Amino acid sequence: MNQELWRLSATEMAALVARRDVSSKELVQSNLKRMEEVNPRINAIVDVLADSALEGAAAADAAIGRGEALGPLHGVPVTVKVNVDMAGFATTNGVTAFKDLVASDDSPVVANLRKAGAIIIGRSNAPAFSYRWFTDNDLYGRTLNPWDAGLTPGGSSGGAAAAVAAGIGAIAHGNDLGGSIRYPAYACGVAGLRPSTGRVPAYNSTQSRDRTLAVQLASVQGPLARTVGDLRLALAAMETPDRRDVWAAPMLPTGSKALFPTRVAVCARLPGIPTDDVVVKAVVQAARWLEDAGCVVEEVVPPRFDEACELWLKLVTNEAQSGLAETIQAYGDNALRTAFGSQRRLAPPLDLAGYMDGLSQRTGLLREWQALFERYPLLLMPVSCQRPFAIDADQNGDDAMRRILEAQGPLLATAILGLPGLSVPMPVREGVPAGVQIVAGRFEDALCLAAGEAIEARAGVFTPIDPANDTAHRAG
């Protein structure tokens, strides 16, 4: 068996399995071996599912032998995050108190991955309650960025991003409420797609009650992978509708890939937000490459961008005061309590009238952004306005949190509006990949992916990588 099969893309793996050139068992064994070699150095996967994965691979190979129809990810090793239900496993969400909260059913995204033929080889780490841009918790410990242990791997899907960057699984599942797919992808040099709200169904039967309204409007499930093409494949697998998600749209067309190349609005420096020169250079370079691909590129500032950023902070944080704040205080770890405390103090308080006005404001903002996308079907801007943060930067008081929230504006504004956003890695600078974000109108996810592939064709693919040998030492 070729021990380097873990290096292949999901697209290559699926094709090899379908042609019977490689068995699913060989792919799974190769990925498990890779996990054994590198995961102790980065702590990305906290539940290793070797036995069930090998059983699943055997079943996948038997199905091929019987000539059964194959799903798009048949036999492909993937990982899922610890904050979604997977039958027979605890949905811990990085919280010690939830270590025995065992799910009886698969969440829709896990069920869809299984239906597509994917083999789940492990569950990835997240911060407590998946509520930080840093991945560390008292239950599982810290996940390290495989590029540089002194930097965050992102959060909350930091385990997912670190795993796929290091070659553990071809596709990783993540979720995104305020950048939790796109930011880890950016920090770890992989691609990550935040789908349009409603495209990928979500539901956890282990949750005690349904989430609050703004969180439901902003939160999505989606994929991370080493290539944009694999994101396209993963999205096709994940997006099958499920009746348990009341926001899930009927099966949608894949989008307007045929419209690419197209007009692109570019905003390298967002109004009022200090932006690192490395970030600006990455956006400018990506714009040139899109222009080379035939796009018409113009500098445009998104409408009322600062209002959209503040709206996320106002709505999500004030909703958290209704129940989640008490739960964090009771069951969260100290790092989360510190970070959430700063966020809460920075968010403008809302009474009922103010909350209702905020939801109305969201509708008006989305209408204006949709008008922008009529003229410019794509928007190119930073993922974050700063390079990846040092680990635990959110533990340094309210001023530090203010700078973090400011830098994450491109993630927050798009999340509260429910828009699709794609994080695409750019060439390595000072030892860490840079990245850019591509945003489109609602349900135009495929147009984001088409633009991402054009950028990737010029930038290249930077993972899988071997974690730095001094990772543990530098992490302290």
Protein backbone atom coordinates (compact mmCIF):
# COMPACT_ATOMS: atom_id res chain seq x y z
CA MET A 1 0.00 0.00 0.00
CA ASN A 2 1.19 3.51 -0.77
CA GLN A 3 1.68 5.09 2.66
CA GLU A 4 1.47 8.57 1.09
CA LEU A 5 -2.16 8.24 -0.01
CA TRP A 6 -3.10 10.76 2.70
CA ARG A 7 -1.52 13.47 0.54
CA LEU A 8 -4.19 13.12 -2.16
CA SER A 9 -7.12 15.49 -2.52
CA ALA A 10 -10.61 14.24 -1.78
CA THR A 11 -11.40 14.50 -5.47
CA GLU A 12 -8.45 12.27 -6.33
CA MET A 13 -9.31 9.81 -3.57
CA ALA A 14 -12.92 9.45 -4.67
CA ALA A 15 -11.89 8.90 -8.28
CA LEU A 16 -9.33 6.24 -7.36
CA VAL A 17 -11.82 4.37 -5.20
CA ALA A 18 -14.52 4.50 -7.88
CA ARG A 19 -12.05 3.07 -10.43
CA ARG A 20 -10.96 0.41 -7.93
CA ASP A 21 -7.36 1.58 -8.24
CA VAL A 22 -7.25 2.08 -4.48
CA SER A 23 -9.47 0.67 -1.75
CA SER A 24 -11.16 2.74 0.90
CA LYS A 25 -9.35 0.60 3.47
CA GLU A 26 -6.00 1.71 2.06
CA LEU A 27 -7.04 5.37 2.18
CA VAL A 28 -8.28 5.10 5.75
CA GLN A 29 -5.20 3.21 6.92
CA SER A 30 -2.93 5.82 5.34
CA ASN A 31 -4.82 8.69 6.98
CA LEU A 32 -4.89 6.93 10.36
CA LYS A 33 -1.14 6.41 10.11
CA ARG A 34 -0.67 10.10 9.33
CA MET A 35 -2.87 10.99 12.30
CA GLU A 36 -0.77 8.76 14.54
CA GLU A 37 2.40 10.51 13.36
CA VAL A 38 1.38 14.18 13.58
CA ASN A 39 -1.67 14.57 15.81
CA PRO A 40 0.30 14.25 19.08
CA ARG A 41 2.20 17.38 17.99
CA ILE A 42 -0.85 19.55 17.24
CA ASN A 43 -3.79 17.99 19.15
CA ALA A 44 -6.25 18.64 16.32
CA ILE A 45 -8.22 15.38 16.65
CA VAL A 46 -9.53 14.58 20.12
CA ASP A 47 -11.56 11.44 19.29
CA VAL A 48 -9.69 8.94 17.09
CA LEU A 49 -12.24 6.64 15.45
CA ALA A 50 -9.88 4.02 14.04
CA ASP A 51 -12.02 0.95 14.63
CA SER A 52 -15.28 2.35 13.28
CA ALA A 53 -13.43 3.98 10.37
CA LEU A 54 -11.90 0.66 9.31
CA GLU A 55 -15.30 -1.01 9.60
CA GLY A 56 -16.78 1.75 7.45
CA ALA A 57 -14.01 1.35 4.89
CA ALA A 58 -14.65 -2.38 4.68
CA ALA A 59 -18.34 -1.72 4.09
CA ALA A 60 -17.50 0.89 1.43
CA ASP A 61 -15.25 -1.56 -0.41
CA ALA A 62 -17.91 -4.27 -0.21
CA ALA A 63 -20.46 -1.88 -1.73
CA ILE A 64 -18.14 -1.31 -4.67
CA GLY A 65 -17.76 -5.06 -5.08
CA ARG A 66 -21.54 -5.37 -5.29
CA GLY A 67 -21.70 -2.70 -7.98
CA GLU A 68 -23.78 -0.29 -5.89
CA ALA A 69 -24.18 3.37 -6.81
CA LEU A 70 -21.49 5.50 -5.17
CA GLY A 71 -21.83 8.84 -3.44
CA PRO A 72 -19.49 11.76 -4.23
CA LEU A 73 -17.26 11.01 -1.20
CA HIS A 74 -17.39 7.22 -1.29
CA GLY A 75 -14.50 5.86 0.75
CA VAL A 76 -12.96 9.28 1.46
CA PRO A 77 -11.61 9.92 5.02
CA VAL A 78 -13.05 13.05 6.70
CA THR A 79 -13.25 14.58 10.17
CA VAL A 80 -16.16 16.21 12.02
CA LYS A 81 -16.18 18.75 14.84
CA VAL A 82 -17.03 17.87 18.46
CA ASN A 83 -19.95 20.32 18.54
CA VAL A 84 -22.27 18.37 16.21
CA ASP A 85 -24.21 15.24 17.07
CA MET A 86 -22.73 11.93 16.00
CA ALA A 87 -24.69 8.90 17.17
CA GLY A 88 -22.98 7.11 20.03
CA PHE A 89 -20.56 9.94 20.83
CA ALA A 90 -20.69 12.83 23.25
CA THR A 91 -21.41 16.26 21.79
CA THR A 92 -18.98 17.90 24.19
CA ASN A 93 -18.54 21.24 22.39
CA GLY A 94 -15.22 21.42 24.23
CA VAL A 95 -16.95 21.53 27.64
CA THR A 96 -15.98 19.12 30.44
CA ALA A 97 -19.51 19.08 31.86
CA PHE A 98 -20.83 17.71 28.54
CA LYS A 99 -18.43 14.75 28.26
CA ASP A 100 -21.32 12.32 28.87
CA LEU A 101 -23.87 14.08 26.61
CA VAL A 102 -24.09 11.20 24.15
CA ALA A 103 -26.07 11.75 20.95
CA SER A 104 -28.66 9.20 19.86
CA ASP A 105 -28.81 10.45 16.26
CA ASP A 106 -26.51 11.97 13.67
CA SER A 107 -26.88 15.68 12.99
CA PRO A 108 -27.93 16.43 9.39
CA VAL A 109 -24.41 17.33 8.25
CA VAL A 110 -22.96 14.09 9.68
CA ALA A 111 -25.81 12.08 8.16
CA ASN A 112 -25.21 13.74 4.79
CA LEU A 113 -21.49 12.98 4.89
CA ARG A 114 -22.27 9.35 5.60
CA LYS A 115 -24.85 9.22 2.79
CA ALA A 116 -22.20 10.58 0.43
CA GLY A 117 -19.96 7.65 1.39
CA ALA A 118 -17.46 9.55 3.55
CA ILE A 119 -15.58 7.67 6.27
CA ILE A 120 -15.31 9.62 9.53
CA ILE A 121 -11.87 8.98 11.03
CA GLY A 122 -11.92 11.46 13.92
CA ARG A 123 -13.57 14.35 15.72
CA SER A 124 -11.83 17.71 15.82
CA ASN A 125 -11.20 20.08 18.72
CA ALA A 126 -13.01 23.35 19.47
CA PRO A 127 -12.88 25.97 22.23
CA ALA A 128 -15.44 25.68 25.01
CA PHE A 129 -18.91 26.33 23.57
CA SER A 130 -17.16 26.99 20.21
CA TYR A 131 -17.09 30.65 21.20
CA ARG A 132 -13.52 31.87 20.60
CA TRP A 133 -11.17 32.47 17.65
CA PHE A 134 -8.66 30.38 19.62
CA THR A 135 -8.90 26.59 20.09
CA ASP A 136 -8.19 25.55 23.67
CA ASN A 137 -10.33 24.11 26.45
CA ASP A 138 -10.05 22.36 29.80
CA LEU A 139 -11.42 19.08 28.43
CA TYR A 140 -9.05 18.41 25.53
CA GLY A 141 -6.31 21.03 25.79
CA ARG A 142 -4.87 23.30 23.14
CA THR A 143 -4.77 22.75 19.38
CA LEU A 144 -1.60 24.12 17.80
CA ASN A 145 -1.20 25.83 14.46
CA PRO A 146 0.96 23.44 12.38
CA TRP A 147 2.76 26.41 10.81
CA ASP A 148 3.67 28.20 14.03
CA ALA A 149 2.63 27.13 17.52
CA GLY A 150 2.87 30.70 18.73
CA LEU A 151 -0.12 31.63 16.57
CA THR A 152 -3.73 30.60 16.91
CA PRO A 153 -4.94 27.87 14.52
CA GLY A 154 -8.13 29.90 14.53
CA GLY A 155 -11.43 29.08 16.12
CA SER A 156 -13.77 27.75 16.64
CA SER A 157 -12.99 25.15 13.93
CA GLY A 158 -9.29 25.28 14.81
CA GLY A 159 -9.00 21.52 15.17
CA ALA A 160 -10.62 21.01 11.78
CA ALA A 161 -8.27 23.45 10.04
CA ALA A 162 -5.12 22.18 11.74
CA ALA A 163 -6.05 18.57 10.94
CA VAL A 164 -6.64 19.07 7.24
CA ALA A 165 -3.56 21.31 6.95
CA ALA A 166 -1.42 18.56 8.47
CA GLY A 167 -2.88 15.87 6.21
CA ILE A 168 -5.35 14.25 8.61
CA GLY A 169 -8.41 13.65 6.43
CA ALA A 170 -9.05 15.14 3.02
CA ILE A 171 -12.05 17.21 4.17
CA ALA A 172 -12.94 18.64 7.57
CA HIS A 173 -16.35 19.67 8.81
CA GLY A 174 -16.67 23.02 10.58
CA ASN A 175 -19.26 25.64 11.43
CA ASP A 176 -19.29 29.42 11.21
CA LEU A 177 -21.21 31.90 13.36
CA GLY A 178 -18.68 34.73 13.22
CA GLY A 179 -15.86 33.38 11.06
CA SER A 180 -15.32 29.96 12.66
CA ILE A 181 -14.67 28.26 9.30
CA ARG A 182 -13.04 31.09 7.40
CA TYR A 183 -10.69 32.29 10.13
CA PRO A 184 -9.16 28.87 10.96
CA ALA A 185 -8.75 28.24 7.23
CA TYR A 186 -6.92 31.57 6.98
CA ALA A 187 -4.72 30.85 10.00
CA CYS A 188 -3.75 27.34 8.82
CA GLY A 189 -3.31 27.95 5.08
CA VAL A 190 -6.26 25.92 3.81
CA ALA A 191 -9.51 26.76 2.03
CA GLY A 192 -12.76 27.15 3.95
CA LEU A 193 -16.30 27.86 2.77
CA ARG A 194 -19.02 29.49 4.82
CA PRO A 195 -22.10 28.47 2.79
CA SER A 196 -25.18 30.67 2.48
CA THR A 197 -27.50 30.40 5.46
CA GLY A 198 -29.98 27.62 4.68
CA ARG A 199 -27.83 25.71 2.20
CA VAL A 200 -26.41 23.08 4.59
CA PRO A 201 -28.92 21.80 7.17
CA ALA A 202 -28.10 21.85 10.88
CA TYR A 203 -29.68 20.47 14.04
CA ASN A 204 -28.47 18.85 17.28
CA SER A 205 -30.94 16.69 19.20
CA THR A 206 -28.70 17.06 22.26
CA GLN A 207 -29.40 20.79 22.52
CA SER A 208 -31.69 21.71 25.42
CA ARG A 209 -33.50 24.37 23.38
CA ASP A 210 -33.27 25.94 19.95
CA ARG A 211 -30.79 28.74 19.49
CA THR A 212 -31.77 32.40 19.51
CA LEU A 213 -32.87 34.12 16.30
CA ALA A 214 -29.77 36.08 15.25
CA VAL A 215 -27.59 33.04 15.91
CA GLN A 216 -29.89 30.92 13.75
CA LEU A 217 -29.63 33.50 10.95
CA ALA A 218 -25.82 33.72 11.15
CA SER A 219 -24.68 30.17 11.97
CA VAL A 220 -23.90 27.66 9.22
CA GLN A 221 -22.22 24.29 8.72
CA GLY A 222 -19.57 23.93 6.04
CA PRO A 223 -16.31 22.37 4.82
CA LEU A 224 -12.57 23.03 5.06
CA ALA A 225 -10.13 21.37 2.65
CA ARG A 226 -6.72 21.76 1.07
CA THR A 227 -8.15 22.67 -2.33
CA VAL A 228 -11.12 24.72 -3.48
CA GLY A 229 -12.22 21.83 -5.71
CA ASP A 230 -12.59 19.65 -2.64
CA LEU A 231 -14.80 22.30 -1.04
CA ARG A 232 -17.08 22.04 -4.07
CA LEU A 233 -17.24 18.26 -3.65
CA ALA A 234 -17.86 18.55 0.09
CA LEU A 235 -20.62 21.12 -0.36
CA ALA A 236 -22.42 18.81 -2.78
CA ALA A 237 -22.30 16.11 -0.10
CA MET A 238 -23.35 18.32 2.81
CA GLU A 239 -26.21 20.30 1.30
CA THR A 240 -28.96 17.66 1.05
CA PRO A 241 -32.01 19.18 2.83
CA ASP A 242 -33.18 17.77 6.15
CA ARG A 243 -36.63 18.34 7.67
CA ARG A 244 -35.12 18.91 11.12
CA ASP A 245 -33.68 22.27 10.03
CA VAL A 246 -36.50 24.77 9.64
CA TRP A 247 -34.22 27.22 7.79
CA ALA A 248 -32.96 24.69 5.25
CA ALA A 249 -33.78 25.66 1.68
CA PRO A 250 -34.99 23.07 -0.83
CA MET A 251 -32.24 21.52 -2.93
CA LEU A 252 -30.77 24.49 -4.75
CA PRO A 253 -28.97 24.74 -8.07
CA THR A 254 -25.21 24.84 -7.62
CA GLY A 255 -25.13 28.57 -8.46
CA SER A 256 -23.80 30.82 -11.16
CA LYS A 257 -20.39 29.32 -11.86
CA ALA A 258 -21.17 29.96 -15.53
CA LEU A 259 -21.18 33.72 -14.82
CA PHE A 260 -17.45 33.64 -14.04
CA PRO A 261 -15.42 35.67 -15.00
CA THR A 262 -17.48 38.60 -13.80
CA ARG A 263 -17.32 42.04 -12.20
CA VAL A 264 -15.53 42.12 -8.86
CA ALA A 265 -15.69 44.78 -6.15
CA VAL A 266 -12.35 44.96 -4.32
CA CYS A 267 -11.88 46.44 -0.87
CA ALA A 268 -8.37 45.89 0.51
CA ARG A 269 -8.75 48.49 3.28
CA LEU A 270 -12.10 48.66 5.01
CA PRO A 271 -13.20 52.03 6.39
CA GLY A 272 -11.95 52.80 9.87
CA ILE A 273 -10.16 49.48 10.39
CA PRO A 274 -6.35 49.37 10.68
CA THR A 275 -5.17 46.78 8.19
CA ASP A 276 -1.81 44.99 8.10
CA ASP A 277 0.22 45.65 4.95
CA VAL A 278 0.58 41.89 4.35
CA VAL A 279 -3.22 41.61 4.29
CA VAL A 280 -3.55 44.52 1.87
CA LYS A 281 -0.90 43.10 -0.47
CA ALA A 282 -2.66 39.73 -0.55
CA VAL A 283 -5.98 41.30 -1.59
CA VAL A 284 -4.29 43.46 -4.23
CA GLN A 285 -2.45 40.46 -5.66
CA ALA A 286 -5.60 38.32 -5.74
CA ALA A 287 -7.42 41.15 -7.54
CA ARG A 288 -4.72 41.18 -10.23
CA TRP A 289 -5.06 37.45 -10.70
CA LEU A 290 -8.84 37.72 -11.05
CA GLU A 291 -8.30 40.48 -13.59
CA ASP A 292 -5.92 38.18 -15.47
CA ALA A 293 -8.69 35.56 -15.42
CA GLY A 294 -11.00 37.97 -17.25
CA CYS A 295 -12.79 39.71 -14.41
CA VAL A 296 -13.51 43.44 -14.37
CA VAL A 297 -12.07 44.67 -11.08
CA GLU A 298 -13.01 47.94 -9.37
CA GLU A 299 -12.35 49.38 -5.92
CA VAL A 300 -15.65 49.53 -3.99
CA VAL A 301 -16.48 49.82 -0.29
CA PRO A 302 -19.38 47.59 0.86
CA PRO A 303 -22.42 49.59 1.99
CA ARG A 304 -22.61 50.56 5.68
CA PHE A 305 -19.89 48.08 6.51
CA ASP A 306 -19.26 49.39 10.03
CA GLU A 307 -22.98 49.07 10.84
CA ALA A 308 -22.99 45.44 9.75
CA CYS A 309 -19.98 44.67 11.96
CA GLU A 310 -21.56 46.33 14.99
CA LEU A 311 -24.87 44.63 14.29
CA TRP A 312 -23.27 41.18 14.72
CA LEU A 313 -21.76 42.26 18.03
CA LYS A 314 -25.02 43.80 19.26
CA LEU A 315 -27.40 41.03 18.28
CA VAL A 316 -25.28 37.97 19.02
CA THR A 317 -23.89 39.27 22.31
CA ASN A 318 -27.20 40.55 23.63
CA GLU A 319 -28.86 37.26 22.73
CA ALA A 320 -26.10 35.47 24.65
CA GLN A 321 -27.22 37.34 27.77
CA SER A 322 -30.41 35.29 27.63
CA GLY A 323 -29.19 31.97 29.01
CA LEU A 324 -25.81 31.41 27.38
CA ALA A 325 -24.02 33.88 29.64
CA GLU A 326 -25.19 31.96 32.72
CA THR A 327 -24.23 28.65 31.11
CA ILE A 328 -20.76 29.96 30.26
CA GLN A 329 -20.33 31.17 33.83
CA ALA A 330 -21.40 27.79 35.20
CA TYR A 331 -19.68 25.41 32.78
CA GLY A 332 -17.20 27.36 30.65
CA ASP A 333 -13.47 27.43 31.29
CA ASN A 334 -11.65 30.49 32.58
CA ALA A 335 -10.37 31.46 29.13
CA LEU A 336 -13.89 31.60 27.73
CA ARG A 337 -15.20 33.51 30.73
CA THR A 338 -12.46 36.10 30.27
CA ALA A 339 -13.00 36.46 26.51
CA PHE A 340 -16.78 36.54 26.74
CA GLY A 341 -16.64 39.04 29.58
CA SER A 342 -14.69 41.45 27.40
CA GLN A 343 -17.04 40.94 24.45
CA ARG A 344 -20.07 41.54 26.64
CA ARG A 345 -18.67 44.79 28.00
CA LEU A 346 -17.90 46.02 24.48
CA ALA A 347 -21.35 45.28 23.04
CA PRO A 348 -23.94 48.09 23.17
CA PRO A 349 -26.78 46.91 25.43
CA LEU A 350 -30.18 46.49 23.80
CA ASP A 351 -33.66 46.56 25.25
CA LEU A 352 -36.50 44.78 23.46
CA ALA A 353 -37.17 47.75 21.17
CA GLY A 354 -33.47 48.01 20.34
CA TYR A 355 -33.27 44.30 19.58
CA MET A 356 -36.29 44.47 17.28
CA ASP A 357 -34.77 47.51 15.56
CA GLY A 358 -31.53 45.56 15.08
CA LEU A 359 -33.34 42.77 13.26
CA SER A 360 -35.04 45.35 11.04
CA GLN A 361 -31.66 46.95 10.41
CA ARG A 362 -30.35 43.59 9.24
CA THR A 363 -33.02 43.43 6.54
CA GLY A 364 -32.13 46.87 5.24
CA LEU A 365 -28.42 46.13 5.24
CA LEU A 366 -28.90 42.86 3.39
CA ARG A 367 -31.03 44.61 0.79
CA GLU A 368 -28.22 47.12 0.16
CA TRP A 369 -25.58 44.39 -0.08
CA GLN A 370 -27.78 42.45 -2.50
CA ALA A 371 -27.96 45.59 -4.63
CA LEU A 372 -24.15 45.70 -4.59
CA PHE A 373 -24.06 42.11 -5.84
CA GLU A 374 -26.34 42.98 -8.74
CA ARG A 375 -23.62 45.30 -10.05
CA TYR A 376 -20.64 43.35 -8.74
CA PRO A 377 -21.49 39.65 -8.33
CA LEU A 378 -18.32 39.15 -6.27
CA LEU A 379 -16.66 41.07 -3.44
CA LEU A 380 -12.96 40.51 -2.69
CA MET A 381 -11.71 41.64 0.72
CA PRO A 382 -9.65 40.45 3.70
CA VAL A 383 -10.56 37.45 5.80
CA SER A 384 -9.20 39.31 8.81
CA CYS A 385 -7.56 42.73 8.75
CA GLN A 386 -4.62 41.40 10.76
CA ARG A 387 -2.32 38.41 10.41
CA PRO A 388 -3.21 35.41 12.65
CA PHE A 389 -3.29 36.44 16.30
CA ALA A 390 -0.86 35.22 18.92
CA ILE A 391 -2.33 32.44 21.04
CA ASP A 392 -4.66 33.70 23.77
CA ALA A 393 -4.66 37.27 22.49
CA ASP A 394 -8.25 37.49 23.75
CA GLN A 395 -7.05 37.06 27.34
CA ASN A 396 -5.41 40.49 27.49
CA GLY A 397 -8.33 42.68 28.49
CA ASP A 398 -11.06 44.73 26.85
CA ASP A 399 -8.74 46.82 24.66
CA ALA A 400 -7.21 43.67 23.19
CA MET A 401 -10.67 42.27 22.50
CA ARG A 402 -11.70 45.54 20.88
CA ARG A 403 -8.76 45.25 18.45
CA ILE A 404 -9.66 41.62 17.72
CA LEU A 405 -13.30 42.41 17.00
CA GLU A 406 -12.22 45.31 14.81
CA ALA A 407 -9.87 43.08 12.80
CA GLN A 408 -12.56 40.43 12.39
CA GLY A 409 -15.02 42.86 10.85
CA PRO A 410 -14.92 41.18 7.40
CA LEU A 411 -16.01 37.94 9.08
CA LEU A 412 -18.71 39.43 11.29
CA ALA A 413 -20.44 41.63 8.70
CA THR A 414 -20.88 38.78 6.23
CA ALA A 415 -22.00 36.32 8.91
CA ILE A 416 -24.83 38.43 10.30
CA LEU A 417 -26.12 38.93 6.73
CA GLY A 418 -26.07 35.19 6.04
CA LEU A 419 -23.88 35.53 2.95
CA PRO A 420 -21.53 32.91 1.51
CA GLY A 421 -17.84 33.60 2.11
CA LEU A 422 -14.77 31.71 0.92
CA SER A 423 -11.34 31.91 2.55
CA VAL A 424 -8.59 31.19 0.01
CA PRO A 425 -4.92 30.86 1.01
CA MET A 426 -2.32 33.11 -0.56
CA PRO A 427 1.48 32.69 -0.73
CA VAL A 428 3.41 32.30 2.50
CA ARG A 429 4.80 35.48 4.03
CA GLU A 430 7.09 35.41 7.07
CA GLY A 431 6.49 31.69 7.52
CA VAL A 432 2.65 31.79 7.56
CA PRO A 433 0.19 31.76 4.63
CA ALA A 434 -1.75 34.90 3.89
CA GLY A 435 -5.31 34.73 2.58
CA VAL A 436 -8.25 36.55 1.02
CA GLN A 437 -12.03 36.31 1.28
CA ILE A 438 -14.48 36.10 -1.60
CA VAL A 439 -18.13 36.98 -0.86
CA ALA A 440 -21.19 36.73 -3.12
CA GLY A 441 -24.94 37.18 -2.95
CA ARG A 442 -27.17 34.66 -1.19
CA PHE A 443 -26.93 31.13 -2.60
CA GLU A 444 -24.22 32.11 -5.10
CA ASP A 445 -21.75 29.83 -3.31
CA ALA A 446 -20.56 28.28 -6.57
CA LEU A 447 -19.54 31.69 -7.89
CA CYS A 448 -17.29 32.12 -4.83
CA LEU A 449 -15.76 28.72 -5.55
CA ALA A 450 -15.13 29.56 -9.21
CA ALA A 451 -13.25 32.71 -8.23
CA GLY A 452 -11.40 30.80 -5.54
CA GLU A 453 -10.21 28.27 -8.09
CA ALA A 454 -8.92 31.08 -10.32
CA ILE A 455 -6.89 32.49 -7.41
CA GLU A 456 -5.69 29.05 -6.33
CA ALA A 457 -4.46 28.36 -9.88
CA ARG A 458 -2.02 31.24 -9.47
CA ALA A 459 -1.26 31.07 -5.75
CA GLY A 460 -0.81 27.31 -5.48
CA VAL A 461 -1.69 24.91 -2.68
CA PHE A 462 0.40 25.08 0.51
CA THR A 463 -0.72 22.02 2.45
CA PRO A 464 -0.40 19.31 3.64
CA ILE A 465 2.56 20.28 5.76
CA ASP A 466 4.52 18.65 8.55
CA PRO A 467 4.02 20.47 11.86
CA ALA A 468 7.13 22.34 12.99
CA ASN A 469 9.48 20.08 14.97
CA ASP A 470 9.65 22.54 17.85
CA THR A 471 5.88 22.95 18.04
CA ALA A 472 5.44 21.68 21.58
CA HIS A 473 8.38 23.70 22.87
CA ARG A 474 7.18 26.97 21.37
CA ALA A 475 3.64 26.40 22.60
CA GLY A 476 4.86 26.28 26.18
